[in-house]
C-alpha atoms as a PDB file:
ATOM      1  CA  MET A   1     -98.441  66.608  45.989  1.00  0.00           C
ATOM      2  CA  MET A   2     -95.101  65.586  47.503  1.00  0.00           C
ATOM      3  CA  GLY A   3     -96.562  62.609  49.164  1.00  0.00           C
ATOM      4  CA  PRO A   4     -97.664  60.581  46.076  1.00  0.00           C
ATOM      5  CA  MET A   5     -94.477  61.346  44.070  1.00  0.00           C
ATOM      6  CA  ARG A   6     -92.027  60.065  46.691  1.00  0.00           C
ATOM      7  CA  PRO A   7     -92.741  56.327  46.095  1.00  0.00           C
ATOM      8  CA  ARG A   8     -92.459  56.850  42.328  1.00  0.00           C
ATOM      9  CA  LEU A   9     -89.067  58.577  42.686  1.00  0.00           C
ATOM     10  CA  VAL A  10     -87.832  55.838  44.874  1.00  0.00           C
ATOM     11  CA  ALA A  11     -88.913  53.214  42.321  1.00  0.00           C
ATOM     12  CA  ARG A  12     -87.134  55.013  39.478  1.00  0.00           C
ATOM     13  CA  THR A  13     -84.014  55.342  41.560  1.00  0.00           C
ATOM     14  CA  CYS A  14     -84.020  51.624  42.339  1.00  0.00           C
ATOM     15  CA  GLU A  15     -84.596  50.819  38.641  1.00  0.00           C
ATOM     16  CA  ALA A  16     -81.622  52.983  37.581  1.00  0.00           C
ATOM     17  CA  PHE A  17     -79.398  51.368  40.229  1.00  0.00           C
ATOM     18  CA  VAL A  18     -80.254  47.861  39.020  1.00  0.00           C
ATOM     19  CA  SER A  19     -79.569  48.825  35.395  1.00  0.00           C
ATOM     20  CA  LEU A  20     -76.210  50.275  36.372  1.00  0.00           C
ATOM     21  CA  LEU A  21     -75.362  47.115  38.315  1.00  0.00           C
ATOM     22  CA  VAL A  22     -76.239  44.893  35.332  1.00  0.00           C
ATOM     23  CA  LEU A  23     -74.056  46.973  32.978  1.00  0.00           C
ATOM     24  CA  THR A  24     -71.179  46.843  35.412  1.00  0.00           C
ATOM     25  CA  LEU A  25     -71.294  43.061  35.653  1.00  0.00           C
ATOM     26  CA  ALA A  26     -71.641  42.574  31.866  1.00  0.00           C
ATOM     27  CA  ALA A  27     -68.750  44.897  30.872  1.00  0.00           C
ATOM     28  CA  PRO A  28     -65.841  42.368  31.325  1.00  0.00           C
ATOM     29  CA  ALA A  29     -67.622  39.710  29.263  1.00  0.00           C
ATOM     30  CA  LEU A  30     -68.277  42.186  26.472  1.00  0.00           C
ATOM     31  CA  ALA A  31     -64.637  43.241  26.526  1.00  0.00           C
ATOM     32  CA  ASP A  32     -63.388  39.614  26.247  1.00  0.00           C
ATOM     33  CA  SER A  33     -65.787  38.963  23.394  1.00  0.00           C
ATOM     34  CA  TYR A  34     -64.516  42.041  21.569  1.00  0.00           C
ATOM     35  CA  ASP A  35     -60.869  40.970  22.002  1.00  0.00           C
ATOM     36  CA  GLU A  36     -61.620  37.496  20.661  1.00  0.00           C
ATOM     37  CA  ASP A  37     -63.280  39.026  17.594  1.00  0.00           C
ATOM     38  CA  GLN A  38     -60.231  41.200  17.022  1.00  0.00           C
ATOM     39  CA  ASP A  39     -57.789  38.243  17.373  1.00  0.00           C
ATOM     40  CA  ALA A  40     -59.750  35.928  15.086  1.00  0.00           C
ATOM     41  CA  VAL A  41     -58.146  35.779  11.628  1.00  0.00           C
ATOM     42  CA  GLU A  42     -59.436  34.045   8.607  1.00  0.00           C
ATOM     43  CA  PRO A  43     -57.546  30.955   7.411  1.00  0.00           C
ATOM     44  CA  GLY A  44     -54.542  31.816   5.229  1.00  0.00           C
ATOM     45  CA  GLU A  45     -54.568  35.450   6.353  1.00  0.00           C
ATOM     46  CA  SER A  46     -51.706  34.990   8.809  1.00  0.00           C
ATOM     47  CA  GLU A  47     -49.400  33.702   6.056  1.00  0.00           C
ATOM     48  CA  ALA A  48     -50.013  36.862   4.093  1.00  0.00           C
ATOM     49  CA  THR A  49     -49.666  39.328   6.965  1.00  0.00           C
ATOM     50  CA  ASP A  50     -47.135  37.775   9.347  1.00  0.00           C
ATOM     51  CA  PRO A  51     -43.614  39.025   8.578  1.00  0.00           C
ATOM     52  CA  GLN A  52     -41.140  36.294   7.599  1.00  0.00           C
ATOM     53  CA  PRO A  53     -38.067  36.018   9.792  1.00  0.00           C
ATOM     54  CA  GLU A  54     -34.969  37.251   8.027  1.00  0.00           C
ATOM     55  CA  GLU A  55     -32.339  34.627   7.377  1.00  0.00           C
ATOM     56  CA  GLU A  56     -29.006  35.430   8.880  1.00  0.00           C
ATOM     57  CA  GLU A  57     -25.928  35.182   6.740  1.00  0.00           C
ATOM     58  CA  GLY A  58     -23.684  32.186   7.233  1.00  0.00           C
ATOM     59  CA  LEU A  59     -24.312  28.527   7.806  1.00  0.00           C
ATOM     60  CA  SER A  60     -26.911  27.379  10.361  1.00  0.00           C
ATOM     61  CA  ALA A  61     -28.680  24.188  11.315  1.00  0.00           C
ATOM     62  CA  GLY A  62     -31.594  23.902  13.711  1.00  0.00           C
ATOM     63  CA  GLY A  63     -31.050  27.410  14.979  1.00  0.00           C
ATOM     64  CA  LEU A  64     -27.347  26.784  15.638  1.00  0.00           C
ATOM     65  CA  HIS A  65     -25.021  29.063  13.683  1.00  0.00           C
ATOM     66  CA  VAL A  66     -21.527  28.119  12.535  1.00  0.00           C
ATOM     67  CA  PRO A  67     -18.933  30.511  13.984  1.00  0.00           C
ATOM     68  CA  GLU A  68     -17.445  32.969  11.519  1.00  0.00           C
ATOM     69  CA  ASN A  69     -13.914  31.592  11.957  1.00  0.00           C
ATOM     70  CA  PHE A  70     -15.092  28.165  10.775  1.00  0.00           C
ATOM     71  CA  GLN A  71     -16.759  29.746   7.758  1.00  0.00           C
ATOM     72  CA  ALA A  72     -13.515  31.571   6.970  1.00  0.00           C
ATOM     73  CA  GLY A  73     -11.675  28.244   7.219  1.00  0.00           C
ATOM     74  CA  ASP A  74     -14.066  26.728   4.695  1.00  0.00           C
ATOM     75  CA  GLU A  75     -13.439  29.618   2.310  1.00  0.00           C
ATOM     76  CA  GLN A  76      -9.662  29.173   2.668  1.00  0.00           C
ATOM     77  CA  GLY A  77     -10.044  25.452   1.998  1.00  0.00           C
ATOM     78  CA  ASP A  78     -11.961  26.208  -1.184  1.00  0.00           C
ATOM     79  CA  GLU A  79      -9.214  28.590  -2.277  1.00  0.00           C
ATOM     80  CA  VAL A  80      -6.497  25.975  -1.661  1.00  0.00           C
ATOM     81  CA  LYS A  81      -8.539  23.401  -3.595  1.00  0.00           C
ATOM     82  CA  HIS A  82      -8.847  25.841  -6.502  1.00  0.00           C
ATOM     83  CA  GLU A  83      -5.075  26.433  -6.502  1.00  0.00           C
ATOM     84  CA  LEU A  84      -4.393  22.689  -6.532  1.00  0.00           C
ATOM     85  CA  GLU A  85      -6.785  22.216  -9.433  1.00  0.00           C
ATOM     86  CA  GLU A  86      -5.078  25.046 -11.312  1.00  0.00           C
ATOM     87  CA  ALA A  87      -1.649  23.497 -10.650  1.00  0.00           C
ATOM     88  CA  ASP A  88      -2.915  20.162 -11.935  1.00  0.00           C
ATOM     89  CA  ARG A  89      -4.203  21.882 -15.087  1.00  0.00           C
ATOM     90  CA  ARG A  90      -0.827  23.520 -15.694  1.00  0.00           C
ATOM     91  CA  ASP A  91       0.817  20.147 -15.145  1.00  0.00           C
ATOM     92  CA  SER A  92      -1.212  18.829 -18.120  1.00  0.00           C
ATOM     93  CA  GLY A  93      -2.882  16.298 -15.852  1.00  0.00           C
ATOM     94  CA  ARG A  94       0.271  14.173 -15.416  1.00  0.00           C
ATOM     95  CA  GLY A  95       0.297  12.198 -12.207  1.00  0.00           C
ATOM     96  CA  LEU A  96       3.186  11.379  -9.910  1.00  0.00           C
ATOM     97  CA  GLU A  97       6.293   9.763 -11.366  1.00  0.00           C
ATOM     98  CA  PHE A  98       7.982   7.007  -9.372  1.00  0.00           C
ATOM     99  CA  ALA A  99      10.621   5.491 -11.688  1.00  0.00           C
ATOM    100  CA  TRP A 100      12.523   6.465 -14.813  1.00  0.00           C
ATOM    101  CA  LEU A 101      14.870   5.082 -17.469  1.00  0.00           C
ATOM    102  CA  VAL A 102      16.930   7.483 -19.610  1.00  0.00           C
ATOM    103  CA  GLY A 103      19.378   7.067 -22.488  1.00  0.00           C
ATOM    104  CA  ASP A 104      21.840   9.699 -23.829  1.00  0.00           C
ATOM    105  CA  LEU A 105      23.621   9.989 -27.175  1.00  0.00           C
ATOM    106  CA  GLY A 106      25.631  12.851 -28.635  1.00  0.00           C
ATOM    107  CA  LEU A 107      28.999  14.585 -28.704  1.00  0.00           C
ATOM    108  CA  GLY A 108      31.804  13.603 -26.328  1.00  0.00           C
ATOM    109  CA  VAL A 109      35.019  15.544 -25.657  1.00  0.00           C
ATOM    110  CA  VAL A 110      37.775  14.112 -23.423  1.00  0.00           C
ATOM    111  CA  ASP A 111      41.063  15.567 -22.209  1.00  0.00           C
ATOM    112  CA  ALA A 112      42.631  13.203 -19.671  1.00  0.00           C
ATOM    113  CA  ALA A 113      45.261  15.738 -18.589  1.00  0.00           C
ATOM    114  CA  GLY A 114      43.628  19.037 -19.457  1.00  0.00           C
ATOM    115  CA  ILE A 115      43.986  20.640 -16.033  1.00  0.00           C
ATOM    116  CA  ASP A 116      47.054  18.952 -14.475  1.00  0.00           C
ATOM    117  CA  ARG A 117      49.281  16.713 -16.584  1.00  0.00           C
ATOM    118  CA  GLY A 118      51.388  15.737 -13.605  1.00  0.00           C
ATOM    119  CA  GLN A 119      53.201  12.441 -14.134  1.00  0.00           C
ATOM    120  CA  LEU A 120      50.215  10.798 -15.811  1.00  0.00           C
ATOM    121  CA  LEU A 121      51.649  11.193 -19.346  1.00  0.00           C
ATOM    122  CA  ALA A 122      55.029  11.709 -20.863  1.00  0.00           C
ATOM    123  CA  PRO A 123      55.639  14.967 -22.721  1.00  0.00           C
ATOM    124  CA  GLY A 124      54.294  14.833 -26.261  1.00  0.00           C
ATOM    125  CA  ASP A 125      51.733  12.086 -25.636  1.00  0.00           C
ATOM    126  CA  THR A 126      48.248  13.110 -26.719  1.00  0.00           C
ATOM    127  CA  SER A 127      45.655  13.255 -23.961  1.00  0.00           C
ATOM    128  CA  SER A 128      42.551  14.532 -25.756  1.00  0.00           C
ATOM    129  CA  GLY A 129      40.015  13.509 -28.363  1.00  0.00           C
ATOM    130  CA  VAL A 130      36.572  14.321 -29.766  1.00  0.00           C
ATOM    131  CA  GLY A 131      33.952  11.778 -30.743  1.00  0.00           C
ATOM    132  CA  LEU A 132      30.778  10.027 -29.645  1.00  0.00           C
ATOM    133  CA  GLY A 133      29.399  10.398 -26.115  1.00  0.00           C
ATOM    134  CA  TYR A 134      26.760   8.087 -24.683  1.00  0.00           C
ATOM    135  CA  GLY A 135      25.181   7.152 -21.395  1.00  0.00           C
ATOM    136  CA  GLY A 136      22.134   5.870 -19.591  1.00  0.00           C
ATOM    137  CA  GLY A 137      20.536   5.697 -16.192  1.00  0.00           C
ATOM    138  CA  VAL A 138      17.717   4.233 -14.151  1.00  0.00           C
ATOM    139  CA  GLY A 139      16.276   5.318 -10.842  1.00  0.00           C
ATOM    140  CA  VAL A 140      13.414   6.600  -8.756  1.00  0.00           C
ATOM    141  CA  ARG A 141      11.791   9.986  -8.357  1.00  0.00           C
ATOM    142  CA  ILE A 142      10.456  11.631  -5.201  1.00  0.00           C
ATOM    143  CA  LEU A 143       8.513  14.800  -6.097  1.00  0.00           C
ATOM    144  CA  TYR A 144      11.181  17.131  -7.543  1.00  0.00           C
ATOM    145  CA  PHE A 145      14.201  14.921  -6.840  1.00  0.00           C
ATOM    146  CA  THR A 146      15.635  11.936  -8.708  1.00  0.00           C
ATOM    147  CA  LEU A 147      18.058   9.304  -7.445  1.00  0.00           C
ATOM    148  CA  GLY A 148      19.558   6.629  -9.619  1.00  0.00           C
ATOM    149  CA  ALA A 149      22.507   4.770 -11.098  1.00  0.00           C
ATOM    150  CA  ARG A 150      24.255   5.833 -14.300  1.00  0.00           C
ATOM    151  CA  ILE A 151      26.810   4.584 -16.800  1.00  0.00           C
ATOM    152  CA  ALA A 152      28.513   6.855 -19.344  1.00  0.00           C
ATOM    153  CA  GLY A 153      31.324   6.723 -21.807  1.00  0.00           C
ATOM    154  CA  ALA A 154      32.947   8.297 -24.836  1.00  0.00           C
ATOM    155  CA  SER A 155      34.786   7.156 -27.933  1.00  0.00           C
ATOM    156  CA  ALA A 156      36.921  10.204 -28.653  1.00  0.00           C
ATOM    157  CA  GLY A 157      39.456   9.418 -31.343  1.00  0.00           C
ATOM    158  CA  ALA A 158      42.092   7.077 -29.895  1.00  0.00           C
ATOM    159  CA  LEU A 159      40.709   7.550 -26.381  1.00  0.00           C
ATOM    160  CA  ASN A 160      37.894   5.597 -24.825  1.00  0.00           C
ATOM    161  CA  THR A 161      36.298   6.266 -21.466  1.00  0.00           C
ATOM    162  CA  LEU A 162      33.772   4.246 -19.501  1.00  0.00           C
ATOM    163  CA  GLY A 163      32.392   4.873 -16.049  1.00  0.00           C
ATOM    164  CA  GLY A 164      29.542   4.244 -13.695  1.00  0.00           C
ATOM    165  CA  GLY A 165      28.205   5.641 -10.444  1.00  0.00           C
ATOM    166  CA  GLY A 166      25.326   7.342  -8.719  1.00  0.00           C
ATOM    167  CA  GLU A 167      23.282  10.287  -9.930  1.00  0.00           C
ATOM    168  CA  LEU A 168      21.298  12.873  -8.000  1.00  0.00           C
ATOM    169  CA  GLY A 169      18.996  15.244  -9.836  1.00  0.00           C
ATOM    170  CA  MET A 170      16.349  17.899  -9.391  1.00  0.00           C
ATOM    171  CA  LYS A 171      13.564  18.578 -11.919  1.00  0.00           C
ATOM    172  CA  LEU A 172      11.224  21.561 -11.963  1.00  0.00           C
ATOM    173  CA  PRO A 173       7.812  20.778 -13.549  1.00  0.00           C
ATOM    174  CA  LEU A 174       6.594  23.542 -15.874  1.00  0.00           C
ATOM    175  CA  GLY A 175       3.705  21.828 -17.564  1.00  0.00           C
ATOM    176  CA  ASN A 176       5.135  19.330 -20.039  1.00  0.00           C
ATOM    177  CA  LEU A 177       8.584  20.916 -19.840  1.00  0.00           C
ATOM    178  CA  GLU A 178      10.895  19.997 -16.963  1.00  0.00           C
ATOM    179  CA  PRO A 179      14.262  21.801 -16.611  1.00  0.00           C
ATOM    180  CA  LEU A 180      16.759  19.685 -14.688  1.00  0.00           C
ATOM    181  CA  VAL A 181      20.011  19.832 -12.764  1.00  0.00           C
ATOM    182  CA  LEU A 182      22.119  16.680 -12.444  1.00  0.00           C
ATOM    183  CA  LEU A 183      25.133  15.668 -10.388  1.00  0.00           C
ATOM    184  CA  ASP A 184      26.838  12.288 -10.810  1.00  0.00           C
ATOM    185  CA  VAL A 185      29.938  10.817  -9.291  1.00  0.00           C
ATOM    186  CA  GLY A 186      31.600   7.454  -9.798  1.00  0.00           C
ATOM    187  CA  TYR A 187      34.390   5.358 -11.184  1.00  0.00           C
ATOM    188  CA  VAL A 188      35.872   6.053 -14.648  1.00  0.00           C
ATOM    189  CA  SER A 189      38.556   4.347 -16.716  1.00  0.00           C
ATOM    190  CA  VAL A 190      40.479   5.655 -19.739  1.00  0.00           C
ATOM    191  CA  SER A 191      42.169   3.616 -22.442  1.00  0.00           C
ATOM    192  CA  GLY A 192      44.208   4.540 -25.534  1.00  0.00           C
ATOM    193  CA  LEU A 193      46.670   6.920 -23.868  1.00  0.00           C
ATOM    194  CA  ALA A 194      50.301   7.017 -25.080  1.00  0.00           C
ATOM    195  CA  LYS A 195      51.163   6.363 -28.724  1.00  0.00           C
ATOM    196  CA  GLN A 196      54.149   4.114 -28.100  1.00  0.00           C
ATOM    197  CA  ALA A 197      52.289   1.794 -25.739  1.00  0.00           C
ATOM    198  CA  ALA A 198      50.881  -1.542 -26.863  1.00  0.00           C
ATOM    199  CA  PRO A 199      47.374  -1.571 -28.393  1.00  0.00           C
ATOM    200  CA  GLY A 200      45.008  -0.274 -25.743  1.00  0.00           C
ATOM    201  CA  GLY A 201      47.469   2.307 -24.427  1.00  0.00           C
ATOM    202  CA  LEU A 202      48.613   2.665 -20.854  1.00  0.00           C
ATOM    203  CA  ALA A 203      47.349  -0.001 -18.476  1.00  0.00           C
ATOM    204  CA  ASP A 204      44.978   0.617 -15.575  1.00  0.00           C
ATOM    205  CA  VAL A 205      44.433   4.369 -15.983  1.00  0.00           C
ATOM    206  CA  SER A 206      41.380   5.040 -13.862  1.00  0.00           C
ATOM    207  CA  GLY A 207      40.010   7.221 -11.130  1.00  0.00           C
ATOM    208  CA  LEU A 208      37.084   9.348 -10.003  1.00  0.00           C
ATOM    209  CA  GLY A 209      34.720  11.150 -12.339  1.00  0.00           C
ATOM    210  CA  LEU A 210      32.591  14.064 -11.144  1.00  0.00           C
ATOM    211  CA  ASN A 211      30.027  15.630 -13.510  1.00  0.00           C
ATOM    212  CA  LEU A 212      27.555  18.479 -13.288  1.00  0.00           C
ATOM    213  CA  GLY A 213      24.756  18.634 -15.853  1.00  0.00           C
ATOM    214  CA  LEU A 214      22.004  20.974 -17.000  1.00  0.00           C
ATOM    215  CA  GLY A 215      19.177  20.224 -19.380  1.00  0.00           C
ATOM    216  CA  ALA A 216      15.462  19.784 -19.899  1.00  0.00           C
ATOM    217  CA  ASP A 217      12.957  17.037 -20.682  1.00  0.00           C
ATOM    218  CA  TYR A 218       9.753  17.543 -22.664  1.00  0.00           C
ATOM    219  CA  TYR A 219       6.989  15.042 -21.900  1.00  0.00           C
ATOM    220  CA  LEU A 220       5.212  13.923 -25.058  1.00  0.00           C
ATOM    221  CA  SER A 221       3.000  11.740 -22.856  1.00  0.00           C
ATOM    222  CA  ASP A 222       2.816  10.577 -19.256  1.00  0.00           C
ATOM    223  CA  HIS A 223       5.424   7.895 -19.913  1.00  0.00           C
ATOM    224  CA  PHE A 224       7.633   9.224 -22.705  1.00  0.00           C
ATOM    225  CA  SER A 225       9.939  12.249 -22.963  1.00  0.00           C
ATOM    226  CA  LEU A 226      12.615  13.765 -25.173  1.00  0.00           C
ATOM    227  CA  GLY A 227      15.252  16.198 -24.004  1.00  0.00           C
ATOM    228  CA  MET A 228      18.755  17.631 -24.119  1.00  0.00           C
ATOM    229  CA  SER A 229      21.561  17.801 -21.577  1.00  0.00           C
ATOM    230  CA  ALA A 230      25.048  19.227 -21.238  1.00  0.00           C
ATOM    231  CA  ARG A 231      27.480  17.688 -18.746  1.00  0.00           C
ATOM    232  CA  PHE A 232      30.869  19.004 -17.758  1.00  0.00           C
ATOM    233  CA  GLY A 233      33.081  16.870 -15.562  1.00  0.00           C
ATOM    234  CA  LEU A 234      36.440  16.476 -13.888  1.00  0.00           C
ATOM    235  CA  LEU A 235      38.568  13.344 -14.167  1.00  0.00           C
ATOM    236  CA  PHE A 236      40.891  12.585 -11.255  1.00  0.00           C
ATOM    237  CA  LEU A 237      43.044   9.854 -12.816  1.00  0.00           C
ATOM    238  CA  GLY A 238      45.934   7.745 -11.679  1.00  0.00           C
ATOM    239  CA  ARG A 239      47.991   4.805 -12.985  1.00  0.00           C
ATOM    240  CA  PRO A 240      50.488   2.348 -11.653  1.00  0.00           C
ATOM    241  CA  ALA A 241      54.021   1.833 -13.016  1.00  0.00           C
ATOM    242  CA  GLN A 242      53.925   0.404 -16.532  1.00  0.00           C
ATOM    243  CA  ASP A 243      55.533  -2.770 -17.886  1.00  0.00           C
ATOM    244  CA  PRO A 244      58.298  -1.944 -20.399  1.00  0.00           C
ATOM    245  CA  ASP A 245      57.360  -5.025 -22.397  1.00  0.00           C
ATOM    246  CA  ALA A 246      53.966  -3.400 -23.137  1.00  0.00           C
ATOM    247  CA  PHE A 247      55.626  -0.734 -25.253  1.00  0.00           C
ATOM    248  CA  SER A 248      56.468  -1.120 -28.907  1.00  0.00           C
ATOM    249  CA  GLY A 249      59.648   0.891 -28.463  1.00  0.00           C
ATOM    250  CA  ALA A 250      61.642   2.313 -25.594  1.00  0.00           C
ATOM    251  CA  MET A 251      59.427   3.280 -22.667  1.00  0.00           C
ATOM    252  CA  ASP A 252      59.638   6.855 -21.460  1.00  0.00           C
ATOM    253  CA  PRO A 253      61.133   6.985 -17.952  1.00  0.00           C
ATOM    254  CA  VAL A 254      57.986   8.762 -16.730  1.00  0.00           C
ATOM    255  CA  TYR A 255      56.071   5.513 -16.993  1.00  0.00           C
ATOM    256  CA  ALA A 256      58.538   3.567 -14.869  1.00  0.00           C
ATOM    257  CA  THR A 257      56.726   4.858 -11.776  1.00  0.00           C
ATOM    258  CA  GLY A 258      53.127   5.601 -10.989  1.00  0.00           C
ATOM    259  CA  GLY A 259      51.611   8.943 -11.817  1.00  0.00           C
ATOM    260  CA  SER A 260      48.411  10.982 -11.663  1.00  0.00           C
ATOM    261  CA  GLY A 261      46.737  13.897 -13.350  1.00  0.00           C
ATOM    262  CA  THR A 262      43.499  15.823 -13.618  1.00  0.00           C
ATOM    263  CA  GLY A 263      41.480  15.993 -16.793  1.00  0.00           C
ATOM    264  CA  THR A 264      38.095  17.114 -18.098  1.00  0.00           C
ATOM    265  CA  ASN A 265      35.264  15.736 -20.149  1.00  0.00           C
ATOM    266  CA  LEU A 266      32.254  17.310 -21.858  1.00  0.00           C
ATOM    267  CA  ALA A 267      29.119  15.644 -23.184  1.00  0.00           C
ATOM    268  CA  LEU A 268      26.380  17.327 -25.247  1.00  0.00           C
ATOM    269  CA  THR A 269      23.663  14.741 -25.740  1.00  0.00           C
ATOM    270  CA  ALA A 270      20.044  14.185 -26.664  1.00  0.00           C
ATOM    271  CA  ARG A 271      17.945  12.312 -24.095  1.00  0.00           C
ATOM    272  CA  ILE A 272      15.122   9.842 -24.415  1.00  0.00           C
ATOM    273  CA  GLY A 273      13.211   8.894 -21.281  1.00  0.00           C
ATOM    274  CA  PHE A 274      10.624   6.375 -20.123  1.00  0.00           C
ATOM    275  CA  HIS A 275       8.659   7.129 -16.945  1.00  0.00           C
ATOM    276  CA  LEU A 276       6.406   5.219 -14.578  1.00  0.00           C
END
């Protein structure tokens, strides 16, 4: 019985070995086919399933990111721009001013020997008066500062003053209102001093005038303003010896020689200004 079954067993063994060999060789191909089926995705499916990359904060271009310090600089620039716009709004939109012309008119008070009479006047001669004060100026403006030329005078009773010089000022813009500080210095002459002198008073009484002023201008438009100012000044006056023939009566001996004195003046005036 063992004899006939041996060839059959051998045949089955060979058949099983061949089947195993075929399966072994086919396994890698089946595995690749399975992976391809798994990777295959229907059109449009990837857009729905693939996660979108998160955008990073800050500026970027082509994958290059702007450093944070540059972004901070941009934010600071925006803040400065906003402050400038706010300042322009408070300034009522007025642009830069380059030139100005101003006129003054109001009350003038003069005392030619109010601080030091010296030998300028003889005893009893009046040195003061109250009346009309006036003035005017023209100049340029650089931001908060003004520089110009000015003339001013007063008709105070029997006395008359007239002077001219330079003026330096500072103005602080507060919208349409501009408070100001002014300083002017220049030549000044005074006439009408001494009752007994010929018409016109003592001859050649003149000297240096120094005035400090405070006030404010209100801009009704870009080119037109109204304001007020108060100026207080010192008068450093001198005169030469007088001619006796210029007196209606006997000349006081004081006037036979030159003399000097220190006086004051005050002007409270309204201002009208034109600006370019």
